[in-house]
Structure formats: C-alpha cells, structure tokens
C-alpha cells in the first residue's frame, strides 16, 4: 500500500554545533508529532535526519510548512531539506516510531533526499505517476516559497514570527518595539504579503488531493 513518506535532513549540519542542532531537531519532531497528523511519528534516524509517515499527502505538505514556520518562530539557525514521497511500504506500519519498515517508497525517498543535495531547491514532492503534473506545479510553487523564506536572516525571525500571527503591522509594532511606520516598511521589505500569497497557493493546490 502507498503512503506519504516524509524525510528531511539538516543542510550543512557538520558546520554547526551538533548538540544544539540535535536539541533543536528533537524540539521540531516533538512539536509536529504532538499535532497528531502522522501515522508513523517523525523519528530522528541518522543524527541530522528524520523520517515519518503522514496521514495524507496534504497533511505531509502542511507539515513541511509548519516546520518551516516553527524554525522561524523558535529562531533556530538551521535549514532543512525535505522529500515527501507517496510510495509503497510492504511491511506493517509502525505507529510508535518510524523504524522497522520496508518498501520501495522508503528506498525512493532516501534516494531522492540524497539527490536533492545537489539541487538548489530544499523541497521535493513526489506523488507517483498518476499525479506527476500536480507534483510539478507544487514543486514550482515551493521554489517561490523558498525564495522568500531563505531571504530572511535569523535577525528577521522575531518580527517575521509576529507577522505569522497577524497582518496588522500596528499590532506587530507594539510586539517588537517598533514605531508603526517602521513596522509597515519591514512588512514590505520582508515581502510578507508575497509569502502569504504563495503559501495560500500551495494550500489551494492541495484541495484536489483531500
């Protein structure tokens, strides 16, 4: 049977504090697993990687979006590379931890994650032969999404995180101790409207998959 297999790893993990990265990765995995949108929970497998099985393709993609915002909200200085592969798993699904499962879908996901290391994109969605066109559109949308997320510096994260909560620059100004005109300019320079637009496009593309 086919399942949405999510794998991810930390980019350039060898150049950072390994203990800090592991702590942050554990926080991410715990937060996502507590949301309950996984069949087999996200599990750290190779130190700087995790894998899991989400309850649906849309939930898998929304999980990626949630993780990206979680990283920014918590001001984690790391970037993840993701593969969501809708593929076959032959063994029984382990609902306790993402171990002891075999199948072509897992092999494909692992291969794709390794191949993604040679690409500029951090996101790859593979939905099988019947949904290649849909996957291609989603992957193109993620290229635009990444251009906004990766343009933000870690010093931008506190104000970006506040804009995740509200579009009202006046409210954000109070939260981050800026005057209103400065908060308005920051919203423009950070391209928050464009970010919200492409995120909404990605979520809209998921509707036929629900």
N, C-alpha and C. Protein backbone atom coordinates (compact mmCIF):
# COMPACT_ATOMS: atom_id res chain seq x y z
N UNK A 1 0.84 -1.19 0.00
CA UNK A 1 0.00 0.00 0.00
C UNK A 1 0.88 1.26 0.00
N UNK A 2 0.39 2.32 -0.65
CA UNK A 2 1.15 3.56 -0.73
C UNK A 2 0.84 4.50 0.43
N UNK A 3 1.88 5.20 0.88
CA UNK A 3 1.75 6.14 1.99
C UNK A 3 2.59 7.39 1.70
N UNK A 4 2.23 8.54 2.30
CA UNK A 4 3.07 9.74 2.17
C UNK A 4 4.24 9.67 3.14
N UNK A 5 5.43 9.45 2.61
CA UNK A 5 6.64 9.29 3.41
C UNK A 5 7.39 10.62 3.43
N UNK A 6 7.61 11.13 4.61
CA UNK A 6 8.32 12.40 4.76
C UNK A 6 9.71 12.15 5.33
N UNK A 7 10.71 12.63 4.62
CA UNK A 7 12.10 12.58 5.10
C UNK A 7 12.70 13.97 5.00
N UNK A 8 13.61 14.28 5.91
CA UNK A 8 14.29 15.57 5.87
C UNK A 8 15.64 15.46 6.56
N UNK A 9 16.56 16.33 6.17
CA UNK A 9 17.84 16.39 6.87
C UNK A 9 18.28 17.84 6.99
N UNK A 10 19.22 18.08 7.87
CA UNK A 10 19.74 19.42 8.12
C UNK A 10 20.84 19.72 7.10
N UNK A 11 20.74 20.85 6.46
CA UNK A 11 21.75 21.26 5.49
C UNK A 11 23.00 21.76 6.22
N UNK A 12 24.16 21.29 5.77
CA UNK A 12 25.46 21.71 6.34
C UNK A 12 25.52 21.51 7.85
N UNK A 13 25.01 20.39 8.31
CA UNK A 13 24.99 20.12 9.75
C UNK A 13 26.39 20.01 10.34
N UNK A 14 27.36 19.60 9.52
CA UNK A 14 28.72 19.43 10.02
C UNK A 14 29.40 20.72 10.37
N UNK A 15 28.83 21.85 9.93
CA UNK A 15 29.44 23.15 10.19
C UNK A 15 28.86 23.83 11.43
N UNK A 16 27.93 23.16 12.12
CA UNK A 16 27.26 23.77 13.25
C UNK A 16 27.46 22.95 14.52
N UNK A 17 27.07 23.51 15.64
CA UNK A 17 27.16 22.84 16.94
C UNK A 17 26.21 21.64 16.93
N UNK A 18 26.76 20.44 16.96
CA UNK A 18 25.94 19.24 16.82
C UNK A 18 24.97 19.06 17.97
N UNK A 19 25.38 19.41 19.19
CA UNK A 19 24.48 19.26 20.33
C UNK A 19 23.29 20.21 20.24
N UNK A 20 23.56 21.43 19.80
CA UNK A 20 22.48 22.40 19.64
C UNK A 20 21.53 21.96 18.53
N UNK A 21 22.09 21.50 17.41
CA UNK A 21 21.24 21.04 16.31
C UNK A 21 20.35 19.88 16.73
N UNK A 22 20.91 18.94 17.47
CA UNK A 22 20.13 17.78 17.91
C UNK A 22 19.00 18.22 18.83
N UNK A 23 19.28 19.15 19.71
CA UNK A 23 18.25 19.67 20.61
C UNK A 23 17.13 20.34 19.83
N UNK A 24 17.51 21.13 18.84
CA UNK A 24 16.51 21.82 18.03
C UNK A 24 15.71 20.84 17.18
N UNK A 25 16.39 19.85 16.62
CA UNK A 25 15.70 18.85 15.80
C UNK A 25 14.71 18.05 16.64
N UNK A 26 15.11 17.71 17.86
CA UNK A 26 14.19 16.99 18.76
C UNK A 26 12.97 17.85 19.08
N UNK A 27 13.18 19.15 19.29
CA UNK A 27 12.06 20.05 19.56
C UNK A 27 11.09 20.10 18.38
N UNK A 28 11.63 20.15 17.17
CA UNK A 28 10.80 20.18 15.97
C UNK A 28 9.98 18.91 15.85
N UNK A 29 10.64 17.77 15.98
CA UNK A 29 9.98 16.47 15.84
C UNK A 29 8.88 16.31 16.90
N UNK A 30 9.19 16.68 18.13
CA UNK A 30 8.21 16.57 19.21
C UNK A 30 6.98 17.44 18.95
N UNK A 31 7.22 18.68 18.52
CA UNK A 31 6.12 19.61 18.27
C UNK A 31 5.21 19.10 17.16
N UNK A 32 5.79 18.57 16.09
CA UNK A 32 4.98 18.07 14.97
C UNK A 32 4.23 16.81 15.37
N UNK A 33 4.89 15.91 16.06
CA UNK A 33 4.22 14.67 16.47
C UNK A 33 3.05 14.95 17.40
N UNK A 34 3.15 15.98 18.21
CA UNK A 34 2.07 16.33 19.13
C UNK A 34 0.84 16.88 18.43
N UNK A 35 1.00 17.28 17.15
CA UNK A 35 -0.15 17.78 16.39
C UNK A 35 -1.04 16.64 15.90
N UNK A 36 -0.51 15.41 15.91
CA UNK A 36 -1.34 14.26 15.61
C UNK A 36 -1.68 14.03 14.15
N UNK A 37 -0.89 14.58 13.22
CA UNK A 37 -1.16 14.41 11.79
C UNK A 37 -0.23 13.37 11.16
N UNK A 38 0.28 12.46 11.97
CA UNK A 38 1.20 11.45 11.48
C UNK A 38 0.67 10.06 11.79
N UNK A 39 0.93 9.13 10.87
CA UNK A 39 0.58 7.72 11.09
C UNK A 39 1.73 7.01 11.78
N UNK A 40 2.93 7.28 11.29
CA UNK A 40 4.15 6.82 11.96
C UNK A 40 4.92 8.07 12.32
N UNK A 41 5.18 8.32 13.60
CA UNK A 41 5.70 9.61 14.05
C UNK A 41 7.06 9.95 13.45
N UNK A 42 7.30 11.26 13.28
CA UNK A 42 8.62 11.69 12.84
C UNK A 42 9.65 11.17 13.83
N UNK A 43 10.68 10.54 13.30
CA UNK A 43 11.70 9.88 14.12
C UNK A 43 13.08 10.26 13.61
N UNK A 44 13.94 10.72 14.51
CA UNK A 44 15.31 11.04 14.12
C UNK A 44 16.05 9.73 13.85
N UNK A 45 16.64 9.62 12.65
CA UNK A 45 17.21 8.34 12.23
C UNK A 45 18.73 8.34 12.17
N UNK A 46 19.32 9.37 11.55
CA UNK A 46 20.77 9.36 11.33
C UNK A 46 21.46 10.57 11.94
N UNK A 47 20.99 11.01 13.07
CA UNK A 47 21.61 12.14 13.74
C UNK A 47 21.06 13.48 13.28
N UNK A 48 21.20 13.76 11.98
CA UNK A 48 20.72 15.04 11.46
C UNK A 48 19.54 14.85 10.51
N UNK A 49 18.90 13.69 10.55
CA UNK A 49 17.78 13.40 9.66
C UNK A 49 16.58 12.86 10.45
N UNK A 50 15.41 13.01 9.85
CA UNK A 50 14.23 12.35 10.42
C UNK A 50 13.35 11.82 9.29
N UNK A 51 12.50 10.88 9.65
CA UNK A 51 11.53 10.35 8.70
C UNK A 51 10.25 10.01 9.45
N UNK A 52 9.17 9.95 8.70
CA UNK A 52 7.88 9.59 9.27
C UNK A 52 6.87 9.40 8.16
N UNK A 53 5.67 9.02 8.53
CA UNK A 53 4.59 8.84 7.57
C UNK A 53 3.42 9.69 8.02
N UNK A 54 2.98 10.57 7.15
CA UNK A 54 1.87 11.46 7.49
C UNK A 54 0.54 10.82 7.13
N UNK A 55 -0.53 11.37 7.67
CA UNK A 55 -1.85 10.76 7.49
C UNK A 55 -2.41 10.96 6.09
N UNK A 56 -1.89 11.93 5.34
CA UNK A 56 -2.33 12.18 3.97
C UNK A 56 -1.26 13.01 3.26
N UNK A 57 -1.37 13.11 1.94
CA UNK A 57 -0.45 13.97 1.19
C UNK A 57 -0.59 15.43 1.62
N UNK A 58 -1.83 15.97 1.69
CA UNK A 58 -1.96 17.36 2.15
C UNK A 58 -1.37 17.58 3.54
N UNK A 59 -1.58 16.62 4.44
CA UNK A 59 -1.01 16.76 5.78
C UNK A 59 0.52 16.74 5.73
N UNK A 60 1.08 15.97 4.81
CA UNK A 60 2.53 15.94 4.66
C UNK A 60 3.08 17.29 4.23
N UNK A 61 2.41 17.91 3.26
CA UNK A 61 2.87 19.21 2.77
C UNK A 61 2.63 20.29 3.82
N UNK A 62 1.50 20.22 4.50
CA UNK A 62 1.25 21.19 5.58
C UNK A 62 2.25 21.01 6.72
N UNK A 63 2.69 19.78 6.94
CA UNK A 63 3.70 19.54 7.97
C UNK A 63 5.00 20.25 7.61
N UNK A 64 5.38 20.20 6.34
CA UNK A 64 6.58 20.90 5.89
C UNK A 64 6.44 22.40 6.14
N UNK A 65 5.29 22.96 5.78
CA UNK A 65 5.06 24.39 6.01
C UNK A 65 5.09 24.72 7.50
N UNK A 66 4.51 23.85 8.30
CA UNK A 66 4.51 24.06 9.76
C UNK A 66 5.92 24.03 10.33
N UNK A 67 6.73 23.10 9.83
CA UNK A 67 8.11 23.00 10.32
C UNK A 67 8.89 24.27 9.98
N UNK A 68 8.73 24.76 8.76
CA UNK A 68 9.44 25.97 8.35
C UNK A 68 9.08 27.15 9.26
N UNK A 69 7.80 27.28 9.59
CA UNK A 69 7.40 28.39 10.46
C UNK A 69 7.82 28.14 11.90
N UNK A 70 7.87 26.88 12.29
CA UNK A 70 8.34 26.53 13.64
C UNK A 70 9.80 26.92 13.82
N UNK A 71 10.61 26.67 12.80
CA UNK A 71 12.03 27.03 12.84
C UNK A 71 12.19 28.54 13.03
N UNK A 72 11.39 29.30 12.30
CA UNK A 72 11.48 30.77 12.39
C UNK A 72 10.96 31.27 13.72
N UNK A 73 9.83 30.75 14.16
CA UNK A 73 9.24 31.18 15.43
C UNK A 73 10.18 30.93 16.60
N UNK A 74 10.91 29.82 16.54
CA UNK A 74 11.83 29.47 17.62
C UNK A 74 13.25 30.00 17.39
N UNK A 75 13.44 30.72 16.29
CA UNK A 75 14.74 31.32 15.95
C UNK A 75 15.86 30.27 15.91
N UNK A 76 15.54 29.12 15.29
CA UNK A 76 16.55 28.08 15.11
C UNK A 76 17.41 28.43 13.90
N UNK A 77 18.71 28.37 14.06
CA UNK A 77 19.63 28.70 12.98
C UNK A 77 19.96 27.43 12.19
N UNK A 78 18.98 26.95 11.44
CA UNK A 78 19.18 25.76 10.62
C UNK A 78 18.23 25.79 9.43
N UNK A 79 18.60 25.04 8.39
CA UNK A 79 17.76 24.85 7.23
C UNK A 79 17.59 23.36 6.99
N UNK A 80 16.38 22.97 6.62
CA UNK A 80 16.10 21.57 6.35
C UNK A 80 15.87 21.35 4.86
N UNK A 81 16.20 20.16 4.41
CA UNK A 81 15.94 19.70 3.05
C UNK A 81 14.88 18.60 3.16
N UNK A 82 13.80 18.69 2.36
CA UNK A 82 12.66 17.79 2.53
C UNK A 82 12.35 16.98 1.27
N UNK A 83 11.91 15.75 1.49
CA UNK A 83 11.30 14.94 0.44
C UNK A 83 9.99 14.37 0.99
N UNK A 84 8.92 14.56 0.22
CA UNK A 84 7.66 13.89 0.53
C UNK A 84 7.37 12.97 -0.65
N UNK A 85 7.44 11.68 -0.40
CA UNK A 85 7.27 10.69 -1.47
C UNK A 85 6.07 9.80 -1.18
N UNK A 86 5.13 9.80 -2.11
CA UNK A 86 3.96 8.92 -1.98
C UNK A 86 4.35 7.58 -2.60
N UNK A 87 4.72 6.64 -1.73
CA UNK A 87 5.25 5.38 -2.23
C UNK A 87 4.84 4.18 -1.41
N UNK A 88 5.24 3.03 -1.89
CA UNK A 88 4.79 1.75 -1.32
C UNK A 88 5.61 1.35 -0.10
N UNK A 89 4.89 0.89 0.91
CA UNK A 89 5.51 0.27 2.09
C UNK A 89 4.93 -1.13 2.22
N UNK A 90 5.80 -2.12 2.25
CA UNK A 90 5.35 -3.52 2.23
C UNK A 90 5.05 -4.07 3.62
N UNK A 91 5.75 -3.56 4.61
CA UNK A 91 5.60 -4.10 5.96
C UNK A 91 4.51 -3.35 6.72
N UNK A 92 4.19 -3.86 7.88
CA UNK A 92 3.20 -3.21 8.73
C UNK A 92 3.72 -1.85 9.17
N UNK A 93 2.82 -0.84 9.20
CA UNK A 93 3.21 0.50 9.62
C UNK A 93 3.46 0.52 11.12
N UNK A 94 4.64 1.00 11.48
CA UNK A 94 4.99 1.13 12.89
C UNK A 94 4.43 2.46 13.40
N UNK A 95 3.42 2.39 14.24
CA UNK A 95 2.76 3.61 14.73
C UNK A 95 3.44 4.21 15.96
N UNK A 96 4.50 3.55 16.42
CA UNK A 96 5.21 4.04 17.61
C UNK A 96 6.47 4.81 17.24
N UNK A 97 7.16 4.36 16.20
CA UNK A 97 8.39 5.00 15.76
C UNK A 97 8.62 4.62 14.31
N UNK A 98 9.26 5.50 13.53
CA UNK A 98 9.42 5.26 12.10
C UNK A 98 10.64 4.37 11.82
N UNK A 99 10.63 3.20 12.43
CA UNK A 99 11.67 2.20 12.22
C UNK A 99 11.01 0.89 11.79
N UNK A 100 11.86 -0.05 11.36
CA UNK A 100 11.44 -1.43 11.09
C UNK A 100 10.33 -1.49 10.06
N UNK A 101 10.43 -0.66 9.02
CA UNK A 101 9.50 -0.70 7.89
C UNK A 101 10.31 -0.79 6.61
N UNK A 102 9.79 -1.55 5.64
CA UNK A 102 10.47 -1.75 4.38
C UNK A 102 9.52 -1.50 3.22
N UNK A 103 10.08 -1.06 2.11
CA UNK A 103 9.27 -0.87 0.91
C UNK A 103 9.96 0.06 -0.07
N UNK A 104 9.52 -0.05 -1.32
CA UNK A 104 10.13 0.75 -2.37
C UNK A 104 9.98 2.24 -2.11
N UNK A 105 8.86 2.64 -1.50
CA UNK A 105 8.63 4.06 -1.23
C UNK A 105 9.69 4.65 -0.33
N UNK A 106 10.11 3.90 0.67
CA UNK A 106 11.17 4.36 1.58
C UNK A 106 12.51 4.46 0.86
N UNK A 107 12.80 3.46 0.01
CA UNK A 107 14.04 3.47 -0.76
C UNK A 107 14.08 4.66 -1.70
N UNK A 108 12.94 4.92 -2.37
CA UNK A 108 12.85 6.06 -3.29
C UNK A 108 13.03 7.38 -2.55
N UNK A 109 12.41 7.49 -1.38
CA UNK A 109 12.52 8.73 -0.60
C UNK A 109 13.96 8.98 -0.18
N UNK A 110 14.64 7.95 0.26
CA UNK A 110 16.03 8.08 0.67
C UNK A 110 16.91 8.49 -0.50
N UNK A 111 16.70 7.87 -1.65
CA UNK A 111 17.47 8.20 -2.85
C UNK A 111 17.22 9.66 -3.26
N UNK A 112 15.96 10.07 -3.23
CA UNK A 112 15.61 11.44 -3.62
C UNK A 112 16.23 12.46 -2.68
N UNK A 113 16.25 12.15 -1.39
CA UNK A 113 16.84 13.08 -0.42
C UNK A 113 18.34 13.24 -0.69
N UNK A 114 19.01 12.17 -1.03
CA UNK A 114 20.44 12.25 -1.35
C UNK A 114 20.66 13.05 -2.63
N UNK A 115 19.80 12.84 -3.62
CA UNK A 115 19.94 13.55 -4.89
C UNK A 115 19.64 15.04 -4.74
N UNK A 116 18.76 15.36 -3.80
CA UNK A 116 18.37 16.76 -3.59
C UNK A 116 19.55 17.59 -3.07
N UNK A 117 20.54 16.93 -2.52
CA UNK A 117 21.72 17.63 -2.00
C UNK A 117 22.48 18.35 -3.11
N UNK A 118 22.26 17.94 -4.35
CA UNK A 118 22.94 18.56 -5.49
C UNK A 118 22.07 19.60 -6.18
N UNK A 119 20.91 19.89 -5.60
CA UNK A 119 19.98 20.85 -6.20
C UNK A 119 19.91 22.11 -5.35
N UNK A 120 19.41 23.18 -5.96
CA UNK A 120 19.23 24.43 -5.22
C UNK A 120 17.97 24.40 -4.36
N UNK A 121 16.98 23.64 -4.80
CA UNK A 121 15.72 23.57 -4.06
C UNK A 121 15.87 22.72 -2.80
N UNK A 122 15.18 23.11 -1.73
CA UNK A 122 15.18 22.34 -0.49
C UNK A 122 13.95 21.44 -0.38
N UNK A 123 13.08 21.47 -1.38
CA UNK A 123 11.80 20.77 -1.30
C UNK A 123 11.58 19.90 -2.54
N UNK A 124 11.16 18.66 -2.32
CA UNK A 124 10.81 17.78 -3.43
C UNK A 124 9.57 16.98 -3.06
N UNK A 125 8.52 17.14 -3.85
CA UNK A 125 7.28 16.41 -3.65
C UNK A 125 7.12 15.42 -4.80
N UNK A 126 7.02 14.12 -4.48
CA UNK A 126 6.82 13.07 -5.48
C UNK A 126 5.53 12.33 -5.16
N UNK A 127 4.58 12.40 -6.10
CA UNK A 127 3.25 11.85 -5.83
C UNK A 127 2.89 10.66 -6.71
N UNK A 128 3.87 10.08 -7.39
CA UNK A 128 3.60 8.92 -8.23
C UNK A 128 3.23 9.30 -9.64
N UNK A 129 3.16 8.30 -10.51
CA UNK A 129 2.93 8.52 -11.94
C UNK A 129 1.60 9.18 -12.24
N UNK A 130 0.59 8.90 -11.44
CA UNK A 130 -0.75 9.44 -11.72
C UNK A 130 -0.90 10.91 -11.36
N UNK A 131 0.04 11.45 -10.60
CA UNK A 131 -0.08 12.84 -10.17
C UNK A 131 1.20 13.63 -10.44
N UNK A 132 1.89 13.29 -11.52
CA UNK A 132 3.14 13.97 -11.85
C UNK A 132 2.94 15.45 -12.10
N UNK A 133 1.86 15.78 -12.84
CA UNK A 133 1.62 17.19 -13.17
C UNK A 133 1.34 18.01 -11.92
N UNK A 134 0.54 17.46 -11.01
CA UNK A 134 0.23 18.15 -9.76
C UNK A 134 1.49 18.35 -8.94
N UNK A 135 2.31 17.31 -8.85
CA UNK A 135 3.55 17.39 -8.09
C UNK A 135 4.48 18.45 -8.68
N UNK A 136 4.54 18.53 -10.01
CA UNK A 136 5.42 19.50 -10.65
C UNK A 136 4.98 20.93 -10.33
N UNK A 137 3.68 21.17 -10.34
CA UNK A 137 3.18 22.51 -10.01
C UNK A 137 3.50 22.86 -8.56
N UNK A 138 3.29 21.90 -7.66
CA UNK A 138 3.58 22.13 -6.24
C UNK A 138 5.08 22.40 -6.04
N UNK A 139 5.92 21.63 -6.73
CA UNK A 139 7.37 21.84 -6.61
C UNK A 139 7.78 23.22 -7.12
N UNK A 140 7.15 23.68 -8.19
CA UNK A 140 7.44 25.01 -8.70
C UNK A 140 7.00 26.08 -7.70
N UNK A 141 5.85 25.85 -7.08
CA UNK A 141 5.38 26.79 -6.06
C UNK A 141 6.34 26.84 -4.88
N UNK A 142 6.91 25.70 -4.52
CA UNK A 142 7.86 25.65 -3.41
C UNK A 142 9.16 26.40 -3.74
N UNK A 143 9.53 26.47 -5.01
CA UNK A 143 10.71 27.25 -5.38
C UNK A 143 10.49 28.72 -5.04
N UNK A 144 9.29 29.22 -5.34
CA UNK A 144 8.96 30.60 -5.00
C UNK A 144 8.88 30.76 -3.48
N UNK A 145 8.23 29.81 -2.82
CA UNK A 145 8.13 29.83 -1.35
C UNK A 145 9.52 29.91 -0.72
N UNK A 146 10.44 29.08 -1.20
CA UNK A 146 11.79 29.05 -0.64
C UNK A 146 12.51 30.37 -0.84
N UNK A 147 12.25 31.05 -1.96
CA UNK A 147 12.94 32.32 -2.23
C UNK A 147 12.63 33.36 -1.16
N UNK A 148 11.42 33.31 -0.61
CA UNK A 148 11.07 34.24 0.46
C UNK A 148 11.66 33.79 1.80
N UNK A 149 11.44 32.55 2.15
CA UNK A 149 11.92 32.03 3.44
C UNK A 149 13.44 32.17 3.57
N UNK A 150 14.15 31.83 2.50
CA UNK A 150 15.61 31.84 2.56
C UNK A 150 16.19 33.25 2.46
N UNK A 151 15.37 34.21 2.12
CA UNK A 151 15.85 35.60 2.08
C UNK A 151 15.88 36.22 3.48
N UNK A 152 15.16 35.61 4.42
CA UNK A 152 15.12 36.15 5.78
C UNK A 152 16.36 35.72 6.55
N UNK A 153 16.94 36.67 7.27
CA UNK A 153 18.06 36.38 8.16
C UNK A 153 17.52 36.03 9.54
N UNK A 154 18.35 35.40 10.35
CA UNK A 154 17.88 35.00 11.67
C UNK A 154 17.49 36.21 12.52
N UNK A 155 18.11 37.35 12.25
CA UNK A 155 17.72 38.58 12.97
C UNK A 155 16.33 39.06 12.58
N UNK A 156 15.84 38.60 11.43
CA UNK A 156 14.49 38.95 10.99
C UNK A 156 13.42 38.08 11.64
N UNK A 157 13.83 36.94 12.18
CA UNK A 157 12.86 35.93 12.63
C UNK A 157 11.85 36.45 13.66
N UNK A 158 12.27 37.25 14.66
CA UNK A 158 11.27 37.69 15.65
C UNK A 158 10.12 38.48 15.03
N UNK A 159 10.42 39.39 14.12
CA UNK A 159 9.33 40.18 13.52
C UNK A 159 8.56 39.34 12.51
N UNK A 160 9.24 38.46 11.78
CA UNK A 160 8.54 37.57 10.85
C UNK A 160 7.55 36.69 11.62
N UNK A 161 7.99 36.16 12.75
CA UNK A 161 7.13 35.30 13.57
C UNK A 161 5.88 36.05 14.02
N UNK A 162 6.02 37.34 14.32
CA UNK A 162 4.84 38.13 14.71
C UNK A 162 3.91 38.34 13.53
N UNK A 163 4.49 38.51 12.34
CA UNK A 163 3.65 38.66 11.15
C UNK A 163 2.95 37.35 10.78
N UNK A 164 3.50 36.21 11.20
CA UNK A 164 2.78 34.95 11.03
C UNK A 164 1.45 34.98 11.79
N UNK A 165 1.44 35.68 12.91
CA UNK A 165 0.26 35.71 13.77
C UNK A 165 -0.80 36.70 13.29
N UNK A 166 -0.35 37.81 12.69
CA UNK A 166 -1.29 38.85 12.29
C UNK A 166 -0.72 39.67 11.13
N UNK A 167 -1.61 40.14 10.27
CA UNK A 167 -1.22 41.03 9.18
C UNK A 167 -1.16 42.49 9.63
N UNK A 168 -1.63 42.75 10.82
CA UNK A 168 -1.75 44.12 11.31
C UNK A 168 -0.39 44.63 11.79
N UNK A 169 0.23 45.47 10.97
CA UNK A 169 1.56 45.97 11.31
C UNK A 169 1.55 46.81 12.58
N UNK A 170 0.41 47.37 12.93
CA UNK A 170 0.32 48.18 14.16
C UNK A 170 0.47 47.28 15.38
N UNK A 171 -0.15 46.11 15.35
CA UNK A 171 -0.01 45.14 16.44
C UNK A 171 1.42 44.64 16.53
N UNK A 172 2.01 44.33 15.37
CA UNK A 172 3.38 43.85 15.34
C UNK A 172 4.34 44.90 15.87
N UNK A 173 4.09 46.14 15.53
CA UNK A 173 4.94 47.24 16.00
C UNK A 173 5.04 47.24 17.53
N UNK A 174 3.92 47.04 18.19
CA UNK A 174 3.91 47.01 19.65
C UNK A 174 4.66 45.80 20.19
N UNK A 175 4.54 44.67 19.50
CA UNK A 175 5.17 43.44 19.98
C UNK A 175 6.69 43.49 19.90
N UNK A 176 7.20 44.16 18.86
CA UNK A 176 8.65 44.15 18.66
C UNK A 176 9.29 45.52 18.93
N UNK A 177 8.51 46.40 19.56
CA UNK A 177 9.01 47.72 19.96
C UNK A 177 9.53 48.55 18.79
N UNK A 178 8.71 48.64 17.75
CA UNK A 178 9.00 49.50 16.61
C UNK A 178 7.89 50.54 16.49
N UNK A 179 8.21 51.66 15.86
CA UNK A 179 7.12 52.58 15.54
C UNK A 179 6.34 52.01 14.36
N UNK A 180 5.13 52.47 14.18
CA UNK A 180 4.23 51.86 13.19
C UNK A 180 4.75 51.97 11.76
N UNK A 181 5.34 53.11 11.43
CA UNK A 181 5.83 53.28 10.07
C UNK A 181 6.99 52.32 9.78
N UNK A 182 7.83 52.08 10.79
CA UNK A 182 8.94 51.14 10.61
C UNK A 182 8.42 49.72 10.44
N UNK A 183 7.41 49.34 11.22
CA UNK A 183 6.82 48.00 11.10
C UNK A 183 6.18 47.81 9.74
N UNK A 184 5.53 48.86 9.24
CA UNK A 184 4.91 48.79 7.91
C UNK A 184 5.98 48.59 6.84
N UNK A 185 7.08 49.33 6.94
CA UNK A 185 8.16 49.20 5.98
C UNK A 185 8.82 47.81 6.05
N UNK A 186 8.93 47.29 7.27
CA UNK A 186 9.51 45.95 7.43
C UNK A 186 8.62 44.88 6.80
N UNK A 187 7.33 45.03 6.96
CA UNK A 187 6.42 44.08 6.32
C UNK A 187 6.60 44.09 4.81
N UNK A 188 6.80 45.27 4.24
CA UNK A 188 7.01 45.40 2.80
C UNK A 188 8.35 44.81 2.39
N UNK A 189 9.40 45.16 3.12
CA UNK A 189 10.74 44.71 2.74
C UNK A 189 10.92 43.20 2.92
N UNK A 190 10.24 42.64 3.90
CA UNK A 190 10.30 41.19 4.13
C UNK A 190 9.39 40.42 3.18
N UNK A 191 8.58 41.15 2.41
CA UNK A 191 7.66 40.56 1.43
C UNK A 191 6.71 39.56 2.10
N UNK A 192 6.14 39.97 3.22
CA UNK A 192 5.24 39.09 3.94
C UNK A 192 3.97 38.80 3.14
N UNK A 193 3.47 39.80 2.41
CA UNK A 193 2.26 39.57 1.60
C UNK A 193 2.54 38.53 0.52
N UNK A 194 3.69 38.63 -0.13
CA UNK A 194 4.04 37.67 -1.17
C UNK A 194 4.22 36.27 -0.58
N UNK A 195 4.84 36.22 0.61
CA UNK A 195 4.99 34.93 1.28
C UNK A 195 3.64 34.30 1.58
N UNK A 196 2.74 35.09 2.14
CA UNK A 196 1.40 34.58 2.47
C UNK A 196 0.67 34.13 1.22
N UNK A 197 0.88 34.85 0.12
CA UNK A 197 0.21 34.50 -1.14
C UNK A 197 0.67 33.15 -1.67
N UNK A 198 1.98 32.91 -1.72
CA UNK A 198 2.46 31.64 -2.25
C UNK A 198 2.12 30.49 -1.31
N UNK A 199 2.12 30.75 -0.01
CA UNK A 199 1.71 29.71 0.93
C UNK A 199 0.25 29.34 0.69
N UNK A 200 -0.60 30.33 0.48
CA UNK A 200 -2.01 30.07 0.21
C UNK A 200 -2.19 29.32 -1.11
N UNK A 201 -1.35 29.63 -2.10
CA UNK A 201 -1.42 28.91 -3.38
C UNK A 201 -1.08 27.44 -3.18
N UNK A 202 -0.04 27.17 -2.41
CA UNK A 202 0.33 25.77 -2.15
C UNK A 202 -0.80 25.03 -1.46
N UNK A 203 -1.40 25.65 -0.44
CA UNK A 203 -2.51 25.01 0.27
C UNK A 203 -3.70 24.80 -0.67
N UNK A 204 -3.97 25.75 -1.56
CA UNK A 204 -5.07 25.62 -2.51
C UNK A 204 -4.82 24.47 -3.49
N UNK A 205 -3.57 24.28 -3.88
CA UNK A 205 -3.23 23.20 -4.78
C UNK A 205 -3.50 21.83 -4.16
N UNK A 206 -3.58 21.79 -2.85
CA UNK A 206 -3.81 20.52 -2.15
C UNK A 206 -5.26 20.08 -2.16
N UNK A 207 -6.18 21.01 -2.45
CA UNK A 207 -7.61 20.70 -2.32
C UNK A 207 -8.06 19.50 -3.14
N UNK A 208 -7.58 19.33 -4.39
CA UNK A 208 -8.00 18.13 -5.14
C UNK A 208 -7.49 16.84 -4.51
N UNK A 209 -6.50 16.92 -3.62
CA UNK A 209 -5.92 15.73 -3.00
C UNK A 209 -6.61 15.36 -1.70
N UNK A 210 -7.51 16.22 -1.22
CA UNK A 210 -8.17 15.96 0.08
C UNK A 210 -9.15 14.79 -0.04
